PDB file of N, CA and C in Angstrom:
ATOM      1  N   MET A   1     -10.219  20.489   6.013  1.00  0.00           N
ATOM      2  CA  MET A   1      -8.818  20.186   5.772  1.00  0.00           C
ATOM      3  C   MET A   1      -8.611  18.683   5.546  1.00  0.00           C
ATOM      4  N   ASN A   2      -9.317  17.854   6.329  1.00  0.00           N
ATOM      5  CA  ASN A   2      -9.199  16.409   6.150  1.00  0.00           C
ATOM      6  C   ASN A   2      -9.667  15.968   4.770  1.00  0.00           C
ATOM      7  N   ASP A   3     -10.704  16.650   4.240  1.00  0.00           N
ATOM      8  CA  ASP A   3     -11.210  16.309   2.911  1.00  0.00           C
ATOM      9  C   ASP A   3     -10.160  16.564   1.836  1.00  0.00           C
ATOM     10  N   ILE A   4      -9.420  17.636   1.984  1.00  0.00           N
ATOM     11  CA  ILE A   4      -8.389  17.973   1.004  1.00  0.00           C
ATOM     12  C   ILE A   4      -7.277  16.924   1.030  1.00  0.00           C
ATOM     13  N   ILE A   5      -6.863  16.547   2.221  1.00  0.00           N
ATOM     14  CA  ILE A   5      -5.810  15.543   2.349  1.00  0.00           C
ATOM     15  C   ILE A   5      -6.292  14.201   1.818  1.00  0.00           C
ATOM     16  N   ALA A   6      -7.526  13.824   2.128  1.00  0.00           N
ATOM     17  CA  ALA A   6      -8.087  12.567   1.642  1.00  0.00           C
ATOM     18  C   ALA A   6      -8.150  12.562   0.117  1.00  0.00           C
ATOM     19  N   THR A   7      -8.551  13.691  -0.471  1.00  0.00           N
ATOM     20  CA  THR A   7      -8.613  13.787  -1.927  1.00  0.00           C
ATOM     21  C   THR A   7      -7.225  13.669  -2.537  1.00  0.00           C
ATOM     22  N   LEU A   8      -6.251  14.322  -1.933  1.00  0.00           N
ATOM     23  CA  LEU A   8      -4.879  14.235  -2.417  1.00  0.00           C
ATOM     24  C   LEU A   8      -4.367  12.799  -2.354  1.00  0.00           C
ATOM     25  N   LEU A   9      -4.657  12.099  -1.280  1.00  0.00           N
ATOM     26  CA  LEU A   9      -4.239  10.702  -1.152  1.00  0.00           C
ATOM     27  C   LEU A   9      -4.919   9.823  -2.198  1.00  0.00           C
ATOM     28  N   GLN A  10      -6.178  10.100  -2.488  1.00  0.00           N
ATOM     29  CA  GLN A  10      -6.894   9.341  -3.521  1.00  0.00           C
ATOM     30  C   GLN A  10      -6.312   9.604  -4.901  1.00  0.00           C
ATOM     31  N   VAL A  11      -5.932  10.853  -5.164  1.00  0.00           N
ATOM     32  CA  VAL A  11      -5.305  11.188  -6.453  1.00  0.00           C
ATOM     33  C   VAL A  11      -3.975  10.454  -6.593  1.00  0.00           C
ATOM     34  N   LEU A  12      -3.194  10.425  -5.531  1.00  0.00           N
ATOM     35  CA  LEU A  12      -1.929   9.693  -5.564  1.00  0.00           C
ATOM     36  C   LEU A  12      -2.155   8.203  -5.811  1.00  0.00           C
ATOM     37  N   SER A  13      -3.181   7.639  -5.196  1.00  0.00           N
ATOM     38  CA  SER A  13      -3.503   6.241  -5.402  1.00  0.00           C
ATOM     39  C   SER A  13      -3.908   5.969  -6.853  1.00  0.00           C
ATOM     40  N   GLN A  14      -4.713   6.861  -7.414  1.00  0.00           N
ATOM     41  CA  GLN A  14      -5.121   6.706  -8.812  1.00  0.00           C
ATOM     42  C   GLN A  14      -3.930   6.861  -9.759  1.00  0.00           C
ATOM     43  N   THR A  15      -3.003   7.732  -9.411  1.00  0.00           N
ATOM     44  CA  THR A  15      -1.791   7.896 -10.219  1.00  0.00           C
ATOM     45  C   THR A  15      -0.981   6.606 -10.219  1.00  0.00           C
ATOM     46  N   LEU A  16      -0.890   5.964  -9.068  1.00  0.00           N
ATOM     47  CA  LEU A  16      -0.199   4.676  -9.004  1.00  0.00           C
ATOM     48  C   LEU A  16      -0.926   3.613  -9.820  1.00  0.00           C
ATOM     49  N   GLU A  17      -2.242   3.692  -9.856  1.00  0.00           N
ATOM     50  CA  GLU A  17      -3.029   2.747 -10.670  1.00  0.00           C
ATOM     51  C   GLU A  17      -2.698   2.920 -12.155  1.00  0.00           C
ATOM     52  N   ILE A  18      -2.630   4.156 -12.606  1.00  0.00           N
ATOM     53  CA  ILE A  18      -2.281   4.434 -14.004  1.00  0.00           C
ATOM     54  C   ILE A  18      -0.860   3.963 -14.294  1.00  0.00           C
ATOM     55  N   TYR A  19       0.053   4.238 -13.362  1.00  0.00           N
ATOM     56  CA  TYR A  19       1.439   3.804 -13.539  1.00  0.00           C
ATOM     57  C   TYR A  19       1.519   2.277 -13.601  1.00  0.00           C
ATOM     58  N   SER A  20       0.708   1.589 -12.819  1.00  0.00           N
ATOM     59  CA  SER A  20       0.675   0.125 -12.863  1.00  0.00           C
ATOM     60  C   SER A  20       0.261  -0.369 -14.247  1.00  0.00           C
ATOM     61  N   LEU A  21      -0.713   0.297 -14.829  1.00  0.00           N
ATOM     62  CA  LEU A  21      -1.149  -0.089 -16.178  1.00  0.00           C
ATOM     63  C   LEU A  21      -0.035   0.118 -17.200  1.00  0.00           C
ATOM     64  N   ILE A  22       0.702   1.216 -17.060  1.00  0.00           N
ATOM     65  CA  ILE A  22       1.827   1.469 -17.962  1.00  0.00           C
ATOM     66  C   ILE A  22       2.906   0.404 -17.757  1.00  0.00           C
ATOM     67  N   LEU A  23       3.122   0.008 -16.502  1.00  0.00           N
ATOM     68  CA  LEU A  23       4.084  -1.064 -16.219  1.00  0.00           C
ATOM     69  C   LEU A  23       3.655  -2.384 -16.849  1.00  0.00           C
ATOM     70  N   ILE A  24       2.371  -2.674 -16.798  1.00  0.00           N
ATOM     71  CA  ILE A  24       1.867  -3.907 -17.416  1.00  0.00           C
ATOM     72  C   ILE A  24       2.150  -3.888 -18.916  1.00  0.00           C
ATOM     73  N   VAL A  25       1.889  -2.746 -19.540  1.00  0.00           N
ATOM     74  CA  VAL A  25       2.174  -2.618 -20.976  1.00  0.00           C
ATOM     75  C   VAL A  25       3.657  -2.853 -21.233  1.00  0.00           C
ATOM     76  N   ARG A  26       4.515  -2.253 -20.406  1.00  0.00           N
ATOM     77  CA  ARG A  26       5.970  -2.397 -20.577  1.00  0.00           C
ATOM     78  C   ARG A  26       6.394  -3.854 -20.432  1.00  0.00           C
ATOM     79  N   VAL A  27       5.861  -4.540 -19.437  1.00  0.00           N
ATOM     80  CA  VAL A  27       6.226  -5.937 -19.223  1.00  0.00           C
ATOM     81  C   VAL A  27       5.746  -6.796 -20.391  1.00  0.00           C
ATOM     82  N   LEU A  28       4.538  -6.557 -20.849  1.00  0.00           N
ATOM     83  CA  LEU A  28       4.031  -7.332 -21.987  1.00  0.00           C
ATOM     84  C   LEU A  28       4.841  -7.066 -23.253  1.00  0.00           C
ATOM     85  N   LEU A  29       5.239  -5.811 -23.450  1.00  0.00           N
ATOM     86  CA  LEU A  29       6.037  -5.483 -24.636  1.00  0.00           C
ATOM     87  C   LEU A  29       7.420  -6.126 -24.584  1.00  0.00           C
ATOM     88  N   SER A  30       7.921  -6.372 -23.396  1.00  0.00           N
ATOM     89  CA  SER A  30       9.249  -6.986 -23.279  1.00  0.00           C
ATOM     90  C   SER A  30       9.249  -8.432 -23.777  1.00  0.00           C
ATOM     91  N   TRP A  31       8.092  -9.014 -23.948  1.00  0.00           N
ATOM     92  CA  TRP A  31       8.004 -10.377 -24.464  1.00  0.00           C
ATOM     93  C   TRP A  31       8.232 -10.445 -25.971  1.00  0.00           C
ATOM     94  N   PHE A  32       8.267  -9.298 -26.629  1.00  0.00           N
ATOM     95  CA  PHE A  32       8.454  -9.239 -28.078  1.00  0.00           C
ATOM     96  C   PHE A  32       9.834  -8.652 -28.368  1.00  0.00           C
ATOM     97  N   PRO A  33      10.828  -9.511 -28.586  1.00  0.00           N
ATOM     98  CA  PRO A  33      12.210  -9.035 -28.713  1.00  0.00           C
ATOM     99  C   PRO A  33      12.484  -8.227 -29.985  1.00  0.00           C
ATOM    100  N   ASN A  34      11.638  -8.338 -30.978  1.00  0.00           N
ATOM    101  CA  ASN A  34      11.906  -7.662 -32.248  1.00  0.00           C
ATOM    102  C   ASN A  34      11.281  -6.279 -32.343  1.00  0.00           C
ATOM    103  N   LEU A  35      10.779  -5.750 -31.244  1.00  0.00           N
ATOM    104  CA  LEU A  35      10.176  -4.419 -31.282  1.00  0.00           C
ATOM    105  C   LEU A  35      11.245  -3.353 -31.481  1.00  0.00           C
ATOM    106  N   ASP A  36      10.863  -2.312 -32.208  1.00  0.00           N
ATOM    107  CA  ASP A  36      11.757  -1.178 -32.436  1.00  0.00           C
ATOM    108  C   ASP A  36      11.562  -0.168 -31.305  1.00  0.00           C
ATOM    109  N   TRP A  37      12.466  -0.188 -30.315  1.00  0.00           N
ATOM    110  CA  TRP A  37      12.326   0.666 -29.138  1.00  0.00           C
ATOM    111  C   TRP A  37      12.661   2.122 -29.440  1.00  0.00           C
ATOM    112  N   SER A  38      13.059   2.408 -30.683  1.00  0.00           N
ATOM    113  CA  SER A  38      13.274   3.809 -31.048  1.00  0.00           C
ATOM    114  C   SER A  38      11.956   4.483 -31.450  1.00  0.00           C
ATOM    115  N   ASN A  39      10.887   3.691 -31.566  1.00  0.00           N
ATOM    116  CA  ASN A  39       9.556   4.233 -31.812  1.00  0.00           C
ATOM    117  C   ASN A  39       9.221   5.188 -30.664  1.00  0.00           C
ATOM    118  N   PRO A  40       8.699   6.398 -30.968  1.00  0.00           N
ATOM    119  CA  PRO A  40       8.443   7.386 -29.906  1.00  0.00           C
ATOM    120  C   PRO A  40       7.526   6.887 -28.789  1.00  0.00           C
ATOM    121  N   ILE A  41       6.523   6.112 -29.122  1.00  0.00           N
ATOM    122  CA  ILE A  41       5.601   5.612 -28.100  1.00  0.00           C
ATOM    123  C   ILE A  41       6.307   4.590 -27.212  1.00  0.00           C
ATOM    124  N   LEU A  42       7.017   3.654 -27.826  1.00  0.00           N
ATOM    125  CA  LEU A  42       7.713   2.633 -27.055  1.00  0.00           C
ATOM    126  C   LEU A  42       8.841   3.237 -26.218  1.00  0.00           C
ATOM    127  N   SER A  43       9.559   4.197 -26.785  1.00  0.00           N
ATOM    128  CA  SER A  43      10.648   4.809 -26.011  1.00  0.00           C
ATOM    129  C   SER A  43      10.101   5.626 -24.847  1.00  0.00           C
ATOM    130  N   THR A  44       8.912   6.217 -25.013  1.00  0.00           N
ATOM    131  CA  THR A  44       8.290   6.957 -23.914  1.00  0.00           C
ATOM    132  C   THR A  44       7.882   6.003 -22.794  1.00  0.00           C
ATOM    133  N   VAL A  45       7.256   4.886 -23.150  1.00  0.00           N
ATOM    134  CA  VAL A  45       6.880   3.889 -22.149  1.00  0.00           C
ATOM    135  C   VAL A  45       8.126   3.391 -21.427  1.00  0.00           C
ATOM    136  N   SER A  46       9.166   3.129 -22.179  1.00  0.00           N
ATOM    137  CA  SER A  46      10.411   2.646 -21.593  1.00  0.00           C
ATOM    138  C   SER A  46      11.041   3.686 -20.670  1.00  0.00           C
ATOM    139  N   SER A  47      11.053   4.937 -21.088  1.00  0.00           N
ATOM    140  CA  SER A  47      11.682   5.978 -20.267  1.00  0.00           C
ATOM    141  C   SER A  47      10.890   6.267 -18.997  1.00  0.00           C
ATOM    142  N   ILE A  48       9.590   5.995 -19.021  1.00  0.00           N
ATOM    143  CA  ILE A  48       8.755   6.203 -17.833  1.00  0.00           C
ATOM    144  C   ILE A  48       8.918   5.051 -16.837  1.00  0.00           C
ATOM    145  N   THR A  49       9.046   3.840 -17.349  1.00  0.00           N
ATOM    146  CA  THR A  49       9.023   2.670 -16.474  1.00  0.00           C
ATOM    147  C   THR A  49      10.394   2.114 -16.105  1.00  0.00           C
ATOM    148  N   ASP A  50      11.365   2.242 -16.984  1.00  0.00           N
ATOM    149  CA  ASP A  50      12.663   1.606 -16.736  1.00  0.00           C
ATOM    150  C   ASP A  50      13.389   2.115 -15.490  1.00  0.00           C
ATOM    151  N   PRO A  51      13.376   3.412 -15.178  1.00  0.00           N
ATOM    152  CA  PRO A  51      14.058   3.816 -13.936  1.00  0.00           C
ATOM    153  C   PRO A  51      13.501   3.118 -12.694  1.00  0.00           C
ATOM    154  N   TYR A  52      12.193   2.967 -12.630  1.00  0.00           N
ATOM    155  CA  TYR A  52      11.569   2.275 -11.493  1.00  0.00           C
ATOM    156  C   TYR A  52      11.925   0.789 -11.513  1.00  0.00           C
ATOM    157  N   LEU A  53      11.832   0.162 -12.677  1.00  0.00           N
ATOM    158  CA  LEU A  53      12.143  -1.265 -12.772  1.00  0.00           C
ATOM    159  C   LEU A  53      13.622  -1.542 -12.517  1.00  0.00           C
ATOM    160  N   ASN A  54      14.500  -0.616 -12.896  1.00  0.00           N
ATOM    161  CA  ASN A  54      15.935  -0.818 -12.697  1.00  0.00           C
ATOM    162  C   ASN A  54      16.296  -0.927 -11.220  1.00  0.00           C
ATOM    163  N   VAL A  55      15.530  -0.258 -10.364  1.00  0.00           N
ATOM    164  CA  VAL A  55      15.764  -0.378  -8.921  1.00  0.00           C
ATOM    165  C   VAL A  55      15.625  -1.838  -8.496  1.00  0.00           C
ATOM    166  N   PHE A  56      14.607  -2.488  -9.003  1.00  0.00           N
ATOM    167  CA  PHE A  56      14.342  -3.879  -8.620  1.00  0.00           C
ATOM    168  C   PHE A  56      15.223  -4.861  -9.386  1.00  0.00           C
ATOM    169  N   ARG A  57      15.648  -4.483 -10.591  1.00  0.00           N
ATOM    170  CA  ARG A  57      16.562  -5.339 -11.343  1.00  0.00           C
ATOM    171  C   ARG A  57      17.893  -5.461 -10.619  1.00  0.00           C
ATOM    172  N   GLY A  58      18.262  -4.434  -9.871  1.00  0.00           N
ATOM    173  CA  GLY A  58      19.479  -4.502  -9.077  1.00  0.00           C
ATOM    174  C   GLY A  58      19.338  -5.424  -7.879  1.00  0.00           C
ATOM    175  N   LEU A  59      18.110  -5.633  -7.428  1.00  0.00           N
ATOM    176  CA  LEU A  59      17.862  -6.498  -6.268  1.00  0.00           C
ATOM    177  C   LEU A  59      17.661  -7.955  -6.650  1.00  0.00           C
ATOM    178  N   ILE A  60      16.985  -8.173  -7.776  1.00  0.00           N
ATOM    179  CA  ILE A  60      16.661  -9.532  -8.211  1.00  0.00           C
ATOM    180  C   ILE A  60      17.264  -9.745  -9.604  1.00  0.00           C
ATOM    181  N   PRO A  61      18.322 -10.524  -9.699  1.00  0.00           N
ATOM    182  CA  PRO A  61      18.907 -10.781 -11.023  1.00  0.00           C
ATOM    183  C   PRO A  61      17.983 -11.683 -11.843  1.00  0.00           C
ATOM    184  N   PRO A  62      18.096 -11.619 -13.169  1.00  0.00           N
ATOM    185  CA  PRO A  62      17.281 -12.512 -14.011  1.00  0.00           C
ATOM    186  C   PRO A  62      17.578 -13.979 -13.693  1.00  0.00           C
ATOM    187  N   ILE A  63      16.525 -14.773 -13.654  1.00  0.00           N
ATOM    188  CA  ILE A  63      16.661 -16.204 -13.359  1.00  0.00           C
ATOM    189  C   ILE A  63      16.282 -16.973 -14.615  1.00  0.00           C
ATOM    190  N   GLY A  64      17.245 -17.643 -15.208  1.00  0.00           N
ATOM    191  CA  GLY A  64      16.987 -18.403 -16.425  1.00  0.00           C
ATOM    192  C   GLY A  64      16.492 -17.532 -17.567  1.00  0.00           C
ATOM    193  N   GLY A  65      16.951 -16.300 -17.630  1.00  0.00           N
ATOM    194  CA  GLY A  65      16.528 -15.388 -18.690  1.00  0.00           C
ATOM    195  C   GLY A  65      15.234 -14.665 -18.390  1.00  0.00           C
ATOM    196  N   LEU A  66      14.586 -14.979 -17.284  1.00  0.00           N
ATOM    197  CA  LEU A  66      13.340 -14.310 -16.904  1.00  0.00           C
ATOM    198  C   LEU A  66      13.630 -13.178 -15.918  1.00  0.00           C
ATOM    199  N   ASP A  67      13.096 -12.009 -16.212  1.00  0.00           N
ATOM    200  CA  ASP A  67      13.253 -10.860 -15.328  1.00  0.00           C
ATOM    201  C   ASP A  67      12.066 -10.823 -14.375  1.00  0.00           C
ATOM    202  N   LEU A  68      12.308 -11.246 -13.141  1.00  0.00           N
ATOM    203  CA  LEU A  68      11.244 -11.316 -12.144  1.00  0.00           C
ATOM    204  C   LEU A  68      11.138 -10.045 -11.309  1.00  0.00           C
ATOM    205  N   SER A  69      11.952  -9.061 -11.622  1.00  0.00           N
ATOM    206  CA  SER A  69      11.958  -7.824 -10.841  1.00  0.00           C
ATOM    207  C   SER A  69      10.623  -7.091 -10.929  1.00  0.00           C
ATOM    208  N   ALA A  70       9.897  -7.268 -12.017  1.00  0.00           N
ATOM    209  CA  ALA A  70       8.613  -6.600 -12.180  1.00  0.00           C
ATOM    210  C   ALA A  70       7.605  -7.059 -11.124  1.00  0.00           C
ATOM    211  N   ILE A  71       7.718  -8.297 -10.689  1.00  0.00           N
ATOM    212  CA  ILE A  71       6.802  -8.797  -9.663  1.00  0.00           C
ATOM    213  C   ILE A  71       6.963  -7.998  -8.376  1.00  0.00           C
ATOM    214  N   LEU A  72       8.201  -7.792  -7.966  1.00  0.00           N
ATOM    215  CA  LEU A  72       8.466  -6.999  -6.767  1.00  0.00           C
ATOM    216  C   LEU A  72       8.017  -5.549  -6.958  1.00  0.00           C
ATOM    217  N   ALA A  73       8.203  -5.035  -8.161  1.00  0.00           N
ATOM    218  CA  ALA A  73       7.764  -3.667  -8.461  1.00  0.00           C
ATOM    219  C   ALA A  73       6.246  -3.539  -8.324  1.00  0.00           C
ATOM    220  N   PHE A  74       5.508  -4.518  -8.823  1.00  0.00           N
ATOM    221  CA  PHE A  74       4.049  -4.490  -8.707  1.00  0.00           C
ATOM    222  C   PHE A  74       3.597  -4.658  -7.254  1.00  0.00           C
ATOM    223  N   ILE A  75       4.295  -5.496  -6.508  1.00  0.00           N
ATOM    224  CA  ILE A  75       3.938  -5.690  -5.093  1.00  0.00           C
ATOM    225  C   ILE A  75       4.100  -4.379  -4.335  1.00  0.00           C
ATOM    226  N   LEU A  76       5.206  -3.664  -4.569  1.00  0.00           N
ATOM    227  CA  LEU A  76       5.428  -2.403  -3.871  1.00  0.00           C
ATOM    228  C   LEU A  76       4.361  -1.364  -4.242  1.00  0.00           C
ATOM    229  N   ILE A  77       4.010  -1.283  -5.503  1.00  0.00           N
ATOM    230  CA  ILE A  77       2.957  -0.340  -5.918  1.00  0.00           C
ATOM    231  C   ILE A  77       1.636  -0.708  -5.262  1.00  0.00           C
ATOM    232  N   SER A  78       1.331  -1.996  -5.202  1.00  0.00           N
ATOM    233  CA  SER A  78       0.082  -2.445  -4.589  1.00  0.00           C
ATOM    234  C   SER A  78       0.037  -2.088  -3.109  1.00  0.00           C
ATOM    235  N   VAL A  79       1.151  -2.297  -2.414  1.00  0.00           N
ATOM    236  CA  VAL A  79       1.211  -1.952  -0.993  1.00  0.00           C
ATOM    237  C   VAL A  79       1.031  -0.449  -0.807  1.00  0.00           C
ATOM    238  N   MET A  80       1.696   0.343  -1.634  1.00  0.00           N
ATOM    239  CA  MET A  80       1.570   1.802  -1.534  1.00  0.00           C
ATOM    240  C   MET A  80       0.131   2.249  -1.798  1.00  0.00           C
ATOM    241  N   GLN A  81      -0.526   1.642  -2.780  1.00  0.00           N
ATOM    242  CA  GLN A  81      -1.924   1.975  -3.058  1.00  0.00           C
ATOM    243  C   GLN A  81      -2.806   1.647  -1.865  1.00  0.00           C
ATOM    244  N   GLY A  82      -2.586   0.503  -1.269  1.00  0.00           N
ATOM    245  CA  GLY A  82      -3.370   0.126  -0.100  1.00  0.00           C
ATOM    246  C   GLY A  82      -3.184   1.108   1.047  1.00  0.00           C
ATOM    247  N   LEU A  83      -1.935   1.500   1.288  1.00  0.00           N
ATOM    248  CA  LEU A  83      -1.671   2.466   2.348  1.00  0.00           C
ATOM    249  C   LEU A  83      -2.327   3.811   2.065  1.00  0.00           C
ATOM    250  N   LEU A  84      -2.243   4.257   0.820  1.00  0.00           N
ATOM    251  CA  LEU A  84      -2.864   5.533   0.456  1.00  0.00           C
ATOM    252  C   LEU A  84      -4.384   5.469   0.593  1.00  0.00           C
ATOM    253  N   ASN A  85      -4.973   4.375   0.137  1.00  0.00           N
ATOM    254  CA  ASN A  85      -6.430   4.240   0.232  1.00  0.00           C
ATOM    255  C   ASN A  85      -6.891   4.174   1.684  1.00  0.00           C
ATOM    256  N   ASN A  86      -6.184   3.414   2.516  1.00  0.00           N
ATOM    257  CA  ASN A  86      -6.549   3.330   3.929  1.00  0.00           C
ATOM    258  C   ASN A  86      -6.384   4.667   4.626  1.00  0.00           C
ATOM    259  N   SER A  87      -5.314   5.372   4.306  1.00  0.00           N
ATOM    260  CA  SER A  87      -5.090   6.686   4.915  1.00  0.00           C
ATOM    261  C   SER A  87      -6.160   7.679   4.500  1.00  0.00           C
ATOM    262  N   SER A  88      -6.558   7.641   3.233  1.00  0.00           N
ATOM    263  CA  SER A  88      -7.597   8.576   2.785  1.00  0.00           C
ATOM    264  C   SER A  88      -8.927   8.284   3.474  1.00  0.00           C
ATOM    265  N   LEU A  89      -9.220   6.994   3.703  1.00  0.00           N
ATOM    266  CA  LEU A  89     -10.445   6.653   4.423  1.00  0.00           C
ATOM    267  C   LEU A  89     -10.391   7.129   5.867  1.00  0.00           C
ATOM    268  N   LEU A  90      -9.227   7.019   6.482  1.00  0.00           N
ATOM    269  CA  LEU A  90      -9.079   7.504   7.847  1.00  0.00           C
ATOM    270  C   LEU A  90      -9.298   9.019   7.916  1.00  0.00           C
ATOM    271  N   PHE A  91      -8.777   9.734   6.955  1.00  0.00           N
ATOM    272  CA  PHE A  91      -8.974  11.178   6.936  1.00  0.00           C
ATOM    273  C   PHE A  91     -10.436  11.531   6.686  1.00  0.00           C
ATOM    274  N   LEU A  92     -11.093  10.790   5.798  1.00  0.00           N
ATOM    275  CA  LEU A  92     -12.502  11.077   5.521  1.00  0.00           C
ATOM    276  C   LEU A  92     -13.390  10.795   6.719  1.00  0.00           C
ATOM    277  N   ASN A  93     -13.039   9.755   7.479  1.00  0.00           N
ATOM    278  CA  ASN A  93     -13.836   9.410   8.661  1.00  0.00           C
ATOM    279  C   ASN A  93     -13.490  10.259   9.875  1.00  0.00           C
ATOM    280  N   GLY A  94     -12.496  11.100   9.737  1.00  0.00           N
ATOM    281  CA  GLY A  94     -12.135  11.981  10.839  1.00  0.00           C
ATOM    282  C   GLY A  94     -11.356  11.295  11.926  1.00  0.00           C
ATOM    283  N   SER A  95     -10.769  10.155  11.633  1.00  0.00           N
ATOM    284  CA  SER A  95     -10.026   9.407  12.647  1.00  0.00           C
ATOM    285  C   SER A  95      -8.610   9.932  12.835  1.00  0.00           C
ATOM    286  N   MET A  96      -8.157  10.776  11.913  1.00  0.00           N
ATOM    287  CA  MET A  96      -6.801  11.291  12.004  1.00  0.00           C
ATOM    288  C   MET A  96      -6.798  12.600  12.790  1.00  0.00           C
ATOM    289  N   PRO A  97      -5.769  12.834  13.580  1.00  0.00           N
ATOM    290  CA  PRO A  97      -5.686  14.111  14.308  1.00  0.00           C
ATOM    291  C   PRO A  97      -5.425  15.259  13.356  1.00  0.00           C
ATOM    292  N   TYR A  98      -5.826  16.429  13.747  1.00  0.00           N
ATOM    293  CA  TYR A  98      -5.651  17.613  12.897  1.00  0.00           C
ATOM    294  C   TYR A  98      -4.248  18.105  12.934  1.00  0.00           C
TER     295      TYR A  98
END
């Protein structure tokens, strides 16, 4: 049972890793103001990432035209990945109660 939970936690961590990569693409694309966001690929990236980023945009307003909310978004994902990875190791080592 611990192996199943550990595997599930690892899958969740890897999913966050993939989402982080998509966020990086979104942030880099935001540096190009002339992009056509009606392009299906760009609109898909935007629709996947913007709801998450909007949470942080409400907390941190743009400073001098720079949107720093992505930094907080990446920090939270990193913390969640660390927690998931540590928890999966605890389950694999049998340190967690049944």
